[in-house]
Amino acid sequence: MKLGIKIGIFKKKNDAVLNHLNEWGGAVYDSAYKYYSNMAKNEGENVLKIFDDWWYGKYNKQEYIVRYTEEECEVADSIILTAISGGFG
């Protein structure tokens, strides 16, 4: 019986730690999205569209080469690589 109580206490502490880490991770992720998407938005709506698609997993390089200017694609790629080097992606 005492072992069951100890396991229950450990589980509650473990759950609290996991909840804290999830909240912290979510805040970091949200902050990073705001930072990088603002960087993209400052370069133009098309750059933001490319960045948003990448962030949400819908990136299609071949489509963007046809649809957007070379400069927009290069700027978006630079922001994406910056986000990746920052640990996102």
Protein backbone atom coordinates (compact mmCIF):
# COMPACT_ATOMS: atom_id res chain seq x y z
CA MET A 1 0.00 0.00 0.00
CA LYS A 2 2.77 2.47 0.84
CA LEU A 3 4.41 1.81 -2.52
CA GLY A 4 1.15 2.72 -4.27
CA ILE A 5 1.00 6.01 -2.36
CA LYS A 6 4.62 6.81 -3.26
CA ILE A 7 3.94 6.08 -6.92
CA GLY A 8 0.85 8.31 -6.81
CA ILE A 9 2.83 11.18 -5.29
CA PHE A 10 5.59 10.73 -7.88
CA LYS A 11 3.00 10.71 -10.69
CA LYS A 12 1.44 13.96 -9.44
CA LYS A 13 4.85 15.64 -9.25
CA ASN A 14 5.79 14.26 -12.65
CA ASP A 15 2.50 15.49 -14.15
CA ALA A 16 3.09 18.95 -12.66
CA VAL A 17 6.58 19.09 -14.16
CA LEU A 18 5.29 17.95 -17.56
CA ASN A 19 2.49 20.53 -17.46
CA HIS A 20 4.99 23.25 -16.60
CA LEU A 21 7.32 22.20 -19.43
CA ASN A 22 4.41 22.06 -21.90
CA GLU A 23 3.31 25.57 -20.93
CA TRP A 24 6.88 26.85 -21.17
CA GLY A 25 7.44 25.14 -24.53
CA GLY A 26 4.16 26.52 -25.86
CA ALA A 27 5.14 30.05 -24.81
CA VAL A 28 8.55 29.70 -26.49
CA TYR A 29 6.95 28.35 -29.67
CA ASP A 30 4.36 31.17 -29.76
CA SER A 31 7.03 33.79 -29.15
CA ALA A 32 9.21 32.38 -31.93
CA TYR A 33 6.31 32.31 -34.37
CA LYS A 34 5.48 35.95 -33.59
CA TYR A 35 9.13 36.97 -33.98
CA TYR A 36 9.80 35.19 -37.28
CA SER A 37 6.39 35.88 -38.82
CA ASN A 38 6.78 39.58 -37.99
CA MET A 39 10.19 39.47 -39.69
CA ALA A 40 8.53 37.93 -42.76
CA LYS A 41 5.60 40.35 -42.70
CA ASN A 42 8.01 43.28 -42.70
CA GLU A 43 9.31 41.96 -46.03
CA GLY A 44 5.84 41.69 -47.59
CA GLU A 45 2.66 39.64 -47.59
CA ASN A 46 4.04 37.08 -50.07
CA VAL A 47 7.09 36.44 -47.89
CA LEU A 48 4.75 36.00 -44.92
CA LYS A 49 2.62 33.54 -46.92
CA ILE A 50 5.68 31.46 -47.79
CA PHE A 51 6.89 31.54 -44.19
CA ASP A 52 3.46 30.63 -42.80
CA ASP A 53 3.18 27.70 -45.18
CA TRP A 54 6.58 26.45 -44.05
CA TRP A 55 5.77 26.94 -40.34
CA TYR A 56 2.56 24.91 -40.68
CA GLY A 57 4.15 22.20 -42.84
CA LYS A 58 2.70 23.14 -46.23
CA TYR A 59 5.90 24.44 -47.88
CA ASN A 60 6.17 23.84 -51.65
CA LYS A 61 9.33 25.35 -53.13
CA GLN A 62 8.43 24.59 -56.77
CA GLU A 63 5.04 26.29 -56.42
CA TYR A 64 6.60 29.40 -54.88
CA ILE A 65 9.22 29.74 -57.63
CA VAL A 66 6.38 29.98 -60.16
CA ARG A 67 4.05 32.13 -58.06
CA TYR A 68 6.39 34.63 -56.36
CA THR A 69 9.43 36.68 -57.36
CA GLU A 70 12.92 35.28 -56.94
CA GLU A 71 13.65 37.94 -54.34
CA GLU A 72 10.56 37.03 -52.28
CA CYS A 73 11.57 33.37 -52.35
CA GLU A 74 15.14 34.17 -51.31
CA VAL A 75 14.04 36.44 -48.46
CA ALA A 76 11.53 33.84 -47.24
CA ASP A 77 14.19 31.11 -47.43
CA SER A 78 16.56 33.28 -45.39
CA ILE A 79 13.94 33.78 -42.68
CA ILE A 80 13.12 30.08 -42.69
CA LEU A 81 16.81 29.17 -42.33
CA THR A 82 17.11 31.70 -39.50
CA ALA A 83 14.17 30.04 -37.74
CA ILE A 84 15.72 26.60 -38.27
CA SER A 85 19.07 27.75 -36.89
CA GLY A 86 17.15 29.10 -33.89
CA GLY A 87 15.88 25.59 -33.18
CA PHE A 88 12.50 25.74 -34.91
CA GLY A 89 11.92 23.40 -37.80
